[in-house]
C-alpha atoms as a PDB file:
ATOM      1  CA  MET A   1      -7.365 -29.273  -8.650  1.00  0.00           C
ATOM      2  CA  ARG A   2     -10.834 -28.335  -9.864  1.00  0.00           C
ATOM      3  CA  LEU A   3     -11.124 -26.310 -13.085  1.00  0.00           C
ATOM      4  CA  TYR A   4     -14.109 -24.386 -14.491  1.00  0.00           C
ATOM      5  CA  PHE A   5     -14.202 -22.916 -18.001  1.00  0.00           C
ATOM      6  CA  PHE A   6     -16.881 -20.453 -19.147  1.00  0.00           C
ATOM      7  CA  LYS A   7     -17.467 -18.714 -22.445  1.00  0.00           C
ATOM      8  CA  GLU A   8     -19.257 -16.018 -20.446  1.00  0.00           C
ATOM      9  CA  ILE A   9     -19.595 -15.321 -16.738  1.00  0.00           C
ATOM     10  CA  SER A  10     -20.644 -12.443 -14.531  1.00  0.00           C
ATOM     11  CA  SER A  11     -17.246 -12.363 -12.812  1.00  0.00           C
ATOM     12  CA  THR A  12     -14.662 -15.086 -12.222  1.00  0.00           C
ATOM     13  CA  GLN A  13     -13.796 -13.489  -8.880  1.00  0.00           C
ATOM     14  CA  GLU A  14     -17.442 -13.372  -7.809  1.00  0.00           C
ATOM     15  CA  PHE A  15     -17.977 -16.969  -8.876  1.00  0.00           C
ATOM     16  CA  LEU A  16     -14.935 -18.167  -6.949  1.00  0.00           C
ATOM     17  CA  TYR A  17     -15.832 -16.276  -3.782  1.00  0.00           C
ATOM     18  CA  SER A  18     -19.322 -17.750  -3.849  1.00  0.00           C
ATOM     19  CA  TYR A  19     -17.807 -21.181  -4.403  1.00  0.00           C
ATOM     20  CA  LEU A  20     -15.529 -20.822  -1.390  1.00  0.00           C
ATOM     21  CA  LYS A  21     -18.468 -19.848   0.810  1.00  0.00           C
ATOM     22  CA  ASN A  22     -19.954 -23.261   0.105  1.00  0.00           C
ATOM     23  CA  LYS A  23     -16.822 -25.375  -0.331  1.00  0.00           C
ATOM     24  CA  SER A  24     -14.018 -23.596   1.504  1.00  0.00           C
ATOM     25  CA  ASP A  25     -11.881 -26.739   1.705  1.00  0.00           C
ATOM     26  CA  ASP A  26     -12.121 -27.561  -2.011  1.00  0.00           C
ATOM     27  CA  ILE A  27      -8.904 -25.856  -3.093  1.00  0.00           C
ATOM     28  CA  PRO A  28      -6.872 -25.289  -5.193  1.00  0.00           C
ATOM     29  CA  ILE A  29      -9.362 -24.202  -7.837  1.00  0.00           C
ATOM     30  CA  LEU A  30      -9.233 -22.266 -11.123  1.00  0.00           C
ATOM     31  CA  VAL A  31     -12.005 -20.424 -12.972  1.00  0.00           C
ATOM     32  CA  VAL A  32     -11.407 -19.187 -16.544  1.00  0.00           C
ATOM     33  CA  ALA A  33     -13.715 -17.138 -18.760  1.00  0.00           C
ATOM     34  CA  LEU A  34     -13.566 -15.563 -22.207  1.00  0.00           C
ATOM     35  CA  HIS A  35     -16.024 -12.767 -21.395  1.00  0.00           C
ATOM     36  CA  GLN A  36     -17.305 -11.101 -18.225  1.00  0.00           C
ATOM     37  CA  THR A  37     -20.579  -9.225 -17.940  1.00  0.00           C
ATOM     38  CA  ASN A  38     -19.880  -7.695 -14.520  1.00  0.00           C
ATOM     39  CA  GLY A  39     -16.135  -7.741 -14.028  1.00  0.00           C
ATOM     40  CA  ILE A  40     -14.633  -6.142 -10.924  1.00  0.00           C
ATOM     41  CA  GLY A  41     -12.247  -3.269 -11.502  1.00  0.00           C
ATOM     42  CA  SER A  42     -10.282  -0.811  -9.408  1.00  0.00           C
ATOM     43  CA  ARG A  43     -12.030   0.964  -6.536  1.00  0.00           C
ATOM     44  CA  ALA A  44     -15.319  -0.935  -7.115  1.00  0.00           C
ATOM     45  CA  ASN A  45     -15.565   0.228 -10.743  1.00  0.00           C
ATOM     46  CA  LYS A  46     -16.917  -2.052 -13.431  1.00  0.00           C
ATOM     47  CA  TRP A  47     -14.417  -3.773 -15.716  1.00  0.00           C
ATOM     48  CA  ILE A  48     -15.483  -3.736 -19.361  1.00  0.00           C
ATOM     49  CA  SER A  49     -14.600  -6.844 -21.357  1.00  0.00           C
ATOM     50  CA  PRO A  50     -13.092  -6.164 -24.794  1.00  0.00           C
ATOM     51  CA  ASN A  51     -13.916  -8.130 -27.938  1.00  0.00           C
ATOM     52  CA  GLU A  52     -11.176 -10.633 -27.219  1.00  0.00           C
ATOM     53  CA  GLY A  53      -9.855 -11.259 -23.720  1.00  0.00           C
ATOM     54  CA  ILE A  54      -9.217 -13.850 -21.053  1.00  0.00           C
ATOM     55  CA  TYR A  55     -10.116 -13.673 -17.375  1.00  0.00           C
ATOM     56  CA  PHE A  56      -9.211 -16.053 -14.607  1.00  0.00           C
ATOM     57  CA  SER A  57      -9.329 -16.384 -10.845  1.00  0.00           C
ATOM     58  CA  PHE A  58      -7.646 -19.015  -8.739  1.00  0.00           C
ATOM     59  CA  ALA A  59      -7.632 -19.903  -5.061  1.00  0.00           C
ATOM     60  CA  ILE A  60      -4.740 -21.605  -3.319  1.00  0.00           C
ATOM     61  CA  HIS A  61      -3.882 -22.232   0.311  1.00  0.00           C
ATOM     62  CA  LYS A  62      -1.533 -19.738   1.961  1.00  0.00           C
ATOM     63  CA  SER A  63       0.938 -22.573   2.492  1.00  0.00           C
ATOM     64  CA  TYR A  64       1.509 -22.637  -1.305  1.00  0.00           C
ATOM     65  CA  LEU A  65       3.059 -19.159  -1.148  1.00  0.00           C
ATOM     66  CA  PRO A  66       6.676 -18.254  -0.339  1.00  0.00           C
ATOM     67  CA  SER A  67       7.250 -17.661   3.349  1.00  0.00           C
ATOM     68  CA  ASP A  68       8.695 -14.182   2.731  1.00  0.00           C
ATOM     69  CA  LEU A  69       5.738 -12.861   0.707  1.00  0.00           C
ATOM     70  CA  PRO A  70       3.939  -9.879   2.333  1.00  0.00           C
ATOM     71  CA  LEU A  71       0.295 -10.754   1.622  1.00  0.00           C
ATOM     72  CA  GLN A  72      -0.555  -7.105   1.008  1.00  0.00           C
ATOM     73  CA  SER A  73       1.812  -7.221  -1.992  1.00  0.00           C
ATOM     74  CA  SER A  74       0.443 -10.426  -3.512  1.00  0.00           C
ATOM     75  CA  SER A  75      -0.867  -8.581  -6.582  1.00  0.00           C
ATOM     76  CA  ILE A  76       2.632  -7.333  -7.373  1.00  0.00           C
ATOM     77  CA  TYR A  77       3.998 -10.853  -6.860  1.00  0.00           C
ATOM     78  CA  PHE A  78       1.456 -12.674  -9.035  1.00  0.00           C
ATOM     79  CA  GLY A  79       1.342  -9.829 -11.561  1.00  0.00           C
ATOM     80  CA  TRP A  80       5.093  -9.784 -12.102  1.00  0.00           C
ATOM     81  CA  LEU A  81       5.281 -13.565 -12.531  1.00  0.00           C
ATOM     82  CA  PHE A  82       2.456 -13.659 -15.075  1.00  0.00           C
ATOM     83  CA  LEU A  83       3.923 -10.624 -16.835  1.00  0.00           C
ATOM     84  CA  GLN A  84       6.959 -12.705 -17.783  1.00  0.00           C
ATOM     85  CA  ARG A  85       4.656 -15.098 -19.628  1.00  0.00           C
ATOM     86  CA  LEU A  86       2.931 -12.252 -21.475  1.00  0.00           C
ATOM     87  CA  ARG A  87       6.311 -10.932 -22.604  1.00  0.00           C
ATOM     88  CA  LYS A  88       6.698 -13.959 -24.847  1.00  0.00           C
ATOM     89  CA  TYR A  89       4.045 -12.346 -27.054  1.00  0.00           C
ATOM     90  CA  ASN A  90       4.723  -8.646 -26.496  1.00  0.00           C
ATOM     91  CA  LYS A  91       7.930  -7.468 -24.837  1.00  0.00           C
ATOM     92  CA  HIS A  92       6.514  -4.009 -24.129  1.00  0.00           C
ATOM     93  CA  VAL A  93       4.221  -4.963 -21.222  1.00  0.00           C
ATOM     94  CA  TRP A  94       5.017  -3.662 -17.732  1.00  0.00           C
ATOM     95  CA  LEU A  95       3.492  -3.569 -14.262  1.00  0.00           C
ATOM     96  CA  LYS A  96       2.151  -0.291 -12.955  1.00  0.00           C
ATOM     97  CA  TRP A  97       2.146  -0.167  -9.160  1.00  0.00           C
ATOM     98  CA  PRO A  98       0.363  -1.880  -7.642  1.00  0.00           C
ATOM     99  CA  ASN A  99      -1.780  -4.048  -9.907  1.00  0.00           C
ATOM    100  CA  ASP A 100      -2.242  -2.784 -13.457  1.00  0.00           C
ATOM    101  CA  ILE A 101      -0.670  -4.239 -16.589  1.00  0.00           C
ATOM    102  CA  TYR A 102       0.288  -1.660 -19.210  1.00  0.00           C
ATOM    103  CA  ILE A 103       1.810  -1.844 -22.647  1.00  0.00           C
ATOM    104  CA  GLY A 104       4.272   0.592 -24.200  1.00  0.00           C
ATOM    105  CA  ASP A 105       5.892   3.775 -22.905  1.00  0.00           C
ATOM    106  CA  VAL A 106       2.608   5.623 -22.805  1.00  0.00           C
ATOM    107  CA  CYS A 107       2.222   9.336 -22.349  1.00  0.00           C
ATOM    108  CA  PRO A 108       1.166  10.458 -18.824  1.00  0.00           C
ATOM    109  CA  SER A 109      -2.378  11.434 -19.868  1.00  0.00           C
ATOM    110  CA  LEU A 110      -3.018   7.810 -20.874  1.00  0.00           C
ATOM    111  CA  VAL A 111      -1.627   6.265 -17.707  1.00  0.00           C
ATOM    112  CA  ASN A 112      -3.120   8.835 -15.364  1.00  0.00           C
ATOM    113  CA  SER A 113      -6.570   9.145 -16.917  1.00  0.00           C
ATOM    114  CA  GLU A 114      -9.425   7.746 -14.849  1.00  0.00           C
ATOM    115  CA  SER A 115     -12.796   6.615 -16.129  1.00  0.00           C
ATOM    116  CA  SER A 116     -16.038   5.891 -14.323  1.00  0.00           C
ATOM    117  CA  LEU A 117     -15.680   2.443 -15.837  1.00  0.00           C
ATOM    118  CA  ASP A 118     -12.433   0.587 -15.175  1.00  0.00           C
ATOM    119  CA  SER A 119     -11.931  -0.440 -18.759  1.00  0.00           C
ATOM    120  CA  MET A 120      -8.611  -0.580 -20.541  1.00  0.00           C
ATOM    121  CA  THR A 121      -7.405   2.762 -21.851  1.00  0.00           C
ATOM    122  CA  SER A 122      -9.537   3.897 -24.757  1.00  0.00           C
ATOM    123  CA  ILE A 123      -8.226   5.188 -28.064  1.00  0.00           C
ATOM    124  CA  GLN A 124     -10.540   8.139 -27.525  1.00  0.00           C
ATOM    125  CA  SER A 125      -8.599   8.971 -24.334  1.00  0.00           C
ATOM    126  CA  ALA A 126      -5.501   9.607 -26.411  1.00  0.00           C
ATOM    127  CA  SER A 127      -6.553  12.924 -27.903  1.00  0.00           C
ATOM    128  CA  SER A 128      -3.723  14.758 -26.094  1.00  0.00           C
ATOM    129  CA  CYS A 129      -1.061  12.264 -27.208  1.00  0.00           C
ATOM    130  CA  ASN A 130       0.690  11.598 -30.450  1.00  0.00           C
ATOM    131  CA  LYS A 131      -1.102   9.359 -32.904  1.00  0.00           C
ATOM    132  CA  SER A 132       1.532   6.651 -32.354  1.00  0.00           C
ATOM    133  CA  ASP A 133       0.489   6.415 -28.682  1.00  0.00           C
ATOM    134  CA  ILE A 134      -3.125   5.426 -29.216  1.00  0.00           C
ATOM    135  CA  SER A 135      -2.503   1.667 -29.305  1.00  0.00           C
ATOM    136  CA  MET A 136      -0.825   1.829 -25.913  1.00  0.00           C
ATOM    137  CA  GLY A 137      -2.218   1.880 -22.399  1.00  0.00           C
ATOM    138  CA  LYS A 138      -3.747  -0.410 -19.818  1.00  0.00           C
ATOM    139  CA  ILE A 139      -4.338  -3.972 -21.017  1.00  0.00           C
ATOM    140  CA  GLY A 140      -5.062  -5.778 -17.761  1.00  0.00           C
ATOM    141  CA  GLY A 141      -5.330  -5.840 -14.020  1.00  0.00           C
ATOM    142  CA  ILE A 142      -4.798  -8.016 -10.976  1.00  0.00           C
ATOM    143  CA  MET A 143      -6.885  -8.337  -7.817  1.00  0.00           C
ATOM    144  CA  THR A 144      -5.795 -10.427  -4.831  1.00  0.00           C
ATOM    145  CA  GLN A 145      -7.809 -11.027  -1.676  1.00  0.00           C
ATOM    146  CA  VAL A 146      -7.621 -13.299   1.348  1.00  0.00           C
ATOM    147  CA  ALA A 147     -10.535 -15.605   2.193  1.00  0.00           C
ATOM    148  CA  GLY A 148      -9.822 -17.556   5.381  1.00  0.00           C
ATOM    149  CA  GLN A 149      -6.741 -19.677   4.720  1.00  0.00           C
ATOM    150  CA  SER A 150      -7.049 -19.148   0.957  1.00  0.00           C
ATOM    151  CA  VAL A 151      -5.555 -16.476  -1.266  1.00  0.00           C
ATOM    152  CA  VAL A 152      -7.803 -15.599  -4.209  1.00  0.00           C
ATOM    153  CA  CYS A 153      -6.194 -13.910  -7.203  1.00  0.00           C
ATOM    154  CA  GLY A 154      -8.022 -12.700 -10.300  1.00  0.00           C
ATOM    155  CA  MET A 155      -6.540 -11.340 -13.527  1.00  0.00           C
ATOM    156  CA  GLY A 156      -7.994  -9.938 -16.719  1.00  0.00           C
ATOM    157  CA  ILE A 157      -6.056  -9.486 -19.966  1.00  0.00           C
ATOM    158  CA  ASN A 158      -7.187  -7.585 -23.053  1.00  0.00           C
ATOM    159  CA  LEU A 159      -5.993  -9.723 -25.956  1.00  0.00           C
ATOM    160  CA  PHE A 160      -7.386  -7.700 -28.840  1.00  0.00           C
ATOM    161  CA  ASP A 161      -9.876  -4.919 -29.415  1.00  0.00           C
ATOM    162  CA  SER A 162      -9.880  -2.170 -32.024  1.00  0.00           C
ATOM    163  CA  PHE A 163     -11.029   0.330 -29.379  1.00  0.00           C
ATOM    164  CA  TYR A 164      -8.745  -0.541 -26.436  1.00  0.00           C
ATOM    165  CA  ALA A 165      -5.034  -1.076 -25.900  1.00  0.00           C
ATOM    166  CA  SER A 166      -4.293  -4.769 -26.459  1.00  0.00           C
ATOM    167  CA  LEU A 167      -1.634  -7.416 -26.015  1.00  0.00           C
ATOM    168  CA  TYR A 168      -1.923  -8.455 -29.667  1.00  0.00           C
ATOM    169  CA  PRO A 169      -2.124  -6.222 -32.776  1.00  0.00           C
ATOM    170  CA  HIS A 170      -4.757  -8.387 -34.469  1.00  0.00           C
ATOM    171  CA  SER A 171      -7.607 -10.780 -33.711  1.00  0.00           C
ATOM    172  CA  SER A 172      -6.955 -14.513 -33.793  1.00  0.00           C
ATOM    173  CA  GLN A 173      -8.100 -17.679 -32.048  1.00  0.00           C
ATOM    174  CA  GLN A 174      -4.405 -18.346 -31.548  1.00  0.00           C
ATOM    175  CA  ASN A 175      -4.270 -15.375 -29.176  1.00  0.00           C
ATOM    176  CA  THR A 176      -6.710 -17.043 -26.797  1.00  0.00           C
ATOM    177  CA  ASP A 177      -5.087 -20.454 -27.139  1.00  0.00           C
ATOM    178  CA  GLN A 178      -1.641 -19.070 -26.328  1.00  0.00           C
ATOM    179  CA  ILE A 179      -2.658 -17.151 -23.225  1.00  0.00           C
ATOM    180  CA  LEU A 180      -4.899 -19.970 -21.998  1.00  0.00           C
ATOM    181  CA  ASN A 181      -1.855 -22.236 -22.140  1.00  0.00           C
ATOM    182  CA  GLU A 182       0.085 -19.650 -20.143  1.00  0.00           C
ATOM    183  CA  VAL A 183      -2.670 -19.538 -17.508  1.00  0.00           C
ATOM    184  CA  LEU A 184      -2.544 -23.317 -17.174  1.00  0.00           C
ATOM    185  CA  GLY A 185       1.252 -23.341 -17.056  1.00  0.00           C
ATOM    186  CA  PHE A 186       1.192 -20.618 -14.419  1.00  0.00           C
ATOM    187  CA  LEU A 187      -0.545 -23.093 -12.090  1.00  0.00           C
ATOM    188  CA  ASN A 188       1.438 -26.208 -13.089  1.00  0.00           C
ATOM    189  CA  LEU A 189      -1.418 -27.450 -15.273  1.00  0.00           C
ATOM    190  CA  ASN A 190       0.576 -28.084 -18.447  1.00  0.00           C
ATOM    191  CA  SER A 191      -0.840 -31.608 -18.635  1.00  0.00           C
ATOM    192  CA  VAL A 192      -4.351 -30.305 -19.404  1.00  0.00           C
ATOM    193  CA  GLU A 193      -5.161 -30.799 -23.088  1.00  0.00           C
ATOM    194  CA  SER A 194      -7.506 -28.537 -25.040  1.00  0.00           C
ATOM    195  CA  SER A 195      -9.639 -31.580 -25.836  1.00  0.00           C
ATOM    196  CA  GLN A 196     -10.340 -31.964 -22.102  1.00  0.00           C
ATOM    197  CA  ILE A 197     -11.759 -28.469 -21.721  1.00  0.00           C
ATOM    198  CA  LEU A 198     -15.530 -28.110 -21.752  1.00  0.00           C
ATOM    199  CA  TRP A 199     -16.473 -24.478 -22.309  1.00  0.00           C
ATOM    200  CA  LEU A 200     -19.771 -23.717 -20.565  1.00  0.00           C
ATOM    201  CA  GLU A 201     -21.975 -21.224 -22.336  1.00  0.00           C
ATOM    202  CA  SER A 202     -22.976 -18.858 -19.532  1.00  0.00           C
ATOM    203  CA  THR A 203     -23.714 -18.381 -15.819  1.00  0.00           C
ATOM    204  CA  LYS A 204     -26.115 -15.466 -16.259  1.00  0.00           C
ATOM    205  CA  ASP A 205     -28.902 -17.265 -14.434  1.00  0.00           C
ATOM    206  CA  LEU A 206     -26.603 -18.344 -11.626  1.00  0.00           C
ATOM    207  CA  ALA A 207     -25.279 -14.814 -11.267  1.00  0.00           C
ATOM    208  CA  ARG A 208     -28.689 -13.686 -10.004  1.00  0.00           C
ATOM    209  CA  VAL A 209     -28.244 -15.868  -6.912  1.00  0.00           C
ATOM    210  CA  SER A 210     -25.796 -14.276  -4.497  1.00  0.00           C
ATOM    211  CA  ASP A 211     -24.285 -17.505  -3.212  1.00  0.00           C
ATOM    212  CA  TYR A 212     -24.900 -19.600  -6.357  1.00  0.00           C
ATOM    213  CA  MET A 213     -26.779 -22.011  -4.054  1.00  0.00           C
ATOM    214  CA  SER A 214     -25.150 -25.186  -5.360  1.00  0.00           C
ATOM    215  CA  PHE A 215     -22.278 -26.048  -7.661  1.00  0.00           C
ATOM    216  CA  VAL A 216     -23.195 -29.709  -8.031  1.00  0.00           C
ATOM    217  CA  ASP A 217     -24.624 -29.393 -11.532  1.00  0.00           C
ATOM    218  CA  ILE A 218     -21.887 -27.184 -12.979  1.00  0.00           C
ATOM    219  CA  PRO A 219     -19.478 -29.307 -15.039  1.00  0.00           C
ATOM    220  CA  SER A 220     -15.826 -29.049 -14.047  1.00  0.00           C
ATOM    221  CA  ILE A 221     -12.534 -30.831 -14.626  1.00  0.00           C
ATOM    222  CA  GLU A 222     -10.557 -32.430 -11.818  1.00  0.00           C
ATOM    223  CA  VAL A 223      -6.814 -32.668 -12.373  1.00  0.00           C
ATOM    224  CA  ASN A 224      -4.165 -34.318 -10.238  1.00  0.00           C
ATOM    225  CA  ILE A 225      -1.125 -32.066 -10.019  1.00  0.00           C
ATOM    226  CA  ALA A 226       2.244 -33.741  -9.691  1.00  0.00           C
ATOM    227  CA  ASP A 227       3.930 -30.567  -8.433  1.00  0.00           C
ATOM    228  CA  THR A 228       1.863 -28.968  -5.669  1.00  0.00           C
ATOM    229  CA  SER A 229       4.551 -26.514  -4.583  1.00  0.00           C
ATOM    230  CA  PHE A 230       2.975 -23.831  -6.796  1.00  0.00           C
ATOM    231  CA  PHE A 231       4.822 -20.662  -5.771  1.00  0.00           C
ATOM    232  CA  THR A 232       6.688 -21.760  -2.634  1.00  0.00           C
ATOM    233  CA  ASN A 233       9.980 -22.019  -4.538  1.00  0.00           C
ATOM    234  CA  ILE A 234       9.714 -18.518  -6.038  1.00  0.00           C
ATOM    235  CA  ALA A 235      10.800 -16.139  -3.298  1.00  0.00           C
ATOM    236  CA  TRP A 236       9.295 -12.675  -2.948  1.00  0.00           C
ATOM    237  CA  ARG A 237      12.791 -11.167  -2.580  1.00  0.00           C
ATOM    238  CA  ASP A 238      13.721 -12.445  -6.061  1.00  0.00           C
ATOM    239  CA  VAL A 239      10.520 -11.168  -7.673  1.00  0.00           C
ATOM    240  CA  PHE A 240      10.795  -7.829  -5.912  1.00  0.00           C
ATOM    241  CA  ALA A 241      14.429  -7.349  -6.945  1.00  0.00           C
ATOM    242  CA  LYS A 242      13.442  -7.635 -10.614  1.00  0.00           C
ATOM    243  CA  TYR A 243      10.337  -5.495 -10.243  1.00  0.00           C
ATOM    244  CA  ARG A 244      12.336  -2.753  -8.523  1.00  0.00           C
ATOM    245  CA  GLN A 245      14.668  -2.559 -11.545  1.00  0.00           C
ATOM    246  CA  GLU A 246      11.675  -1.585 -13.716  1.00  0.00           C
ATOM    247  CA  PHE A 247       9.875   0.600 -11.215  1.00  0.00           C
ATOM    248  CA  TYR A 248      11.225   3.666 -13.032  1.00  0.00           C
ATOM    249  CA  LYS A 249       8.506   3.058 -15.626  1.00  0.00           C
ATOM    250  CA  ASN A 250       6.084   4.334 -12.982  1.00  0.00           C
ATOM    251  CA  ASN A 251       7.679   7.803 -13.065  1.00  0.00           C
ATOM    252  CA  ASN A 252       5.022  10.520 -13.392  1.00  0.00           C
ATOM    253  CA  VAL A 253       2.298   7.899 -13.038  1.00  0.00           C
ATOM    254  CA  ILE A 254      -0.635   8.529 -10.710  1.00  0.00           C
ATOM    255  CA  ALA A 255      -1.745   5.849  -8.210  1.00  0.00           C
ATOM    256  CA  HIS A 256      -4.447   5.813  -5.548  1.00  0.00           C
ATOM    257  CA  ILE A 257      -3.687   5.330  -1.862  1.00  0.00           C
ATOM    258  CA  ILE A 258      -5.618   5.653   1.389  1.00  0.00           C
ATOM    259  CA  LYS A 259      -4.311   8.402   3.653  1.00  0.00           C
ATOM    260  CA  ASP A 260      -6.003   9.022   7.000  1.00  0.00           C
ATOM    261  CA  GLY A 261      -9.022   7.090   5.767  1.00  0.00           C
ATOM    262  CA  ILE A 262      -9.370   9.186   2.601  1.00  0.00           C
ATOM    263  CA  GLU A 263      -8.504   8.094  -0.925  1.00  0.00           C
ATOM    264  CA  GLU A 264      -5.770  10.230  -2.421  1.00  0.00           C
ATOM    265  CA  GLU A 265      -3.967  10.447  -5.749  1.00  0.00           C
ATOM    266  CA  VAL A 266      -0.179  10.416  -5.589  1.00  0.00           C
ATOM    267  CA  ASN A 267       2.493  10.853  -8.232  1.00  0.00           C
ATOM    268  CA  LEU A 268       4.725   7.785  -7.986  1.00  0.00           C
ATOM    269  CA  SER A 269       7.747   9.917  -8.849  1.00  0.00           C
ATOM    270  CA  ASN A 270       7.396  11.371  -5.346  1.00  0.00           C
ATOM    271  CA  CYS A 271       7.324   7.956  -3.647  1.00  0.00           C
ATOM    272  CA  THR A 272       9.914   5.376  -2.637  1.00  0.00           C
ATOM    273  CA  LEU A 273       9.260   1.682  -3.289  1.00  0.00           C
ATOM    274  CA  CYS A 274       9.912  -0.297  -0.096  1.00  0.00           C
ATOM    275  CA  GLU A 275      11.110  -3.894   0.093  1.00  0.00           C
ATOM    276  CA  ASP A 276       7.709  -5.160   1.240  1.00  0.00           C
ATOM    277  CA  GLY A 277       6.083  -3.713  -1.891  1.00  0.00           C
ATOM    278  CA  SER A 278       4.619  -0.698  -0.153  1.00  0.00           C
ATOM    279  CA  LEU A 279       5.228   2.956  -1.029  1.00  0.00           C
ATOM    280  CA  MET A 280       6.851   5.513   1.242  1.00  0.00           C
ATOM    281  CA  LYS A 281       5.668   9.102   0.976  1.00  0.00           C
ATOM    282  CA  ASP A 282       6.207  11.879   3.488  1.00  0.00           C
ATOM    283  CA  GLY A 283       7.493   9.362   6.025  1.00  0.00           C
ATOM    284  CA  LYS A 284       4.389   7.136   5.790  1.00  0.00           C
ATOM    285  CA  LYS A 285       3.921   3.706   4.208  1.00  0.00           C
ATOM    286  CA  PHE A 286       1.054   2.907   1.861  1.00  0.00           C
ATOM    287  CA  TYR A 287       0.024  -0.509   0.563  1.00  0.00           C
ATOM    288  CA  ASN A 288      -1.894  -1.932  -2.347  1.00  0.00           C
ATOM    289  CA  MET A 289      -5.605  -1.118  -1.978  1.00  0.00           C
ATOM    290  CA  ARG A 290      -6.537  -4.304  -3.817  1.00  0.00           C
END
């Protein structure tokens, strides 16, 4: 498995897609960054990086996924699995349908507020909530796409920022080290030592080239993985059963769906969660837009 580590990058998802255009057979692959300058958020919005965060995208072959996984619900699947790792450090995180990671039992105005920039919920957005609510809100997101025979998943987690809702209550290098280890463990890369990781400074210059032209000169790590099953042994039905038990946390939360070709806001309290991860409303099924 090929691994790339960047202190700063335009977008891990953009980098990985460009990589696959040139080297579509070179998978699995993982790209990790500590800061993004042009992160991809919901509905083509820009994702603002906080002071302290971690962002990663990985590509694996479809054969590494459980046979019962509906691809359109991959973000729920990957998001729920990674959520269990985040709960080691903060038990109050939960998954908003279909691909947002929230923290705390936030008031509806925090969960439902939309910004022109898809940043994590701002403290300034909490003016209508109690003071105790202002440290709560959106701390991350998941985006999953299909590229040929590969599934590409990207996640961003806000570790700490005084202005945004965060996984941790304070700033520390340990925050980054802990979640980086969880990212590696998520992909069966526990054998990778911190001393092996070479953090590249930036890809700003590369980001100006749409297809990155060549990846030959970009340092990476190649790791042999003893267990290549990845997620094949973690059935969708098991993940979904646990997610459904917590779906009540989405009550009175607003989500975006496409209805008759038009984007529409729906209150999740008025929807039924189906076994394939879709929503049922007024007799029609709706799937994750991302």
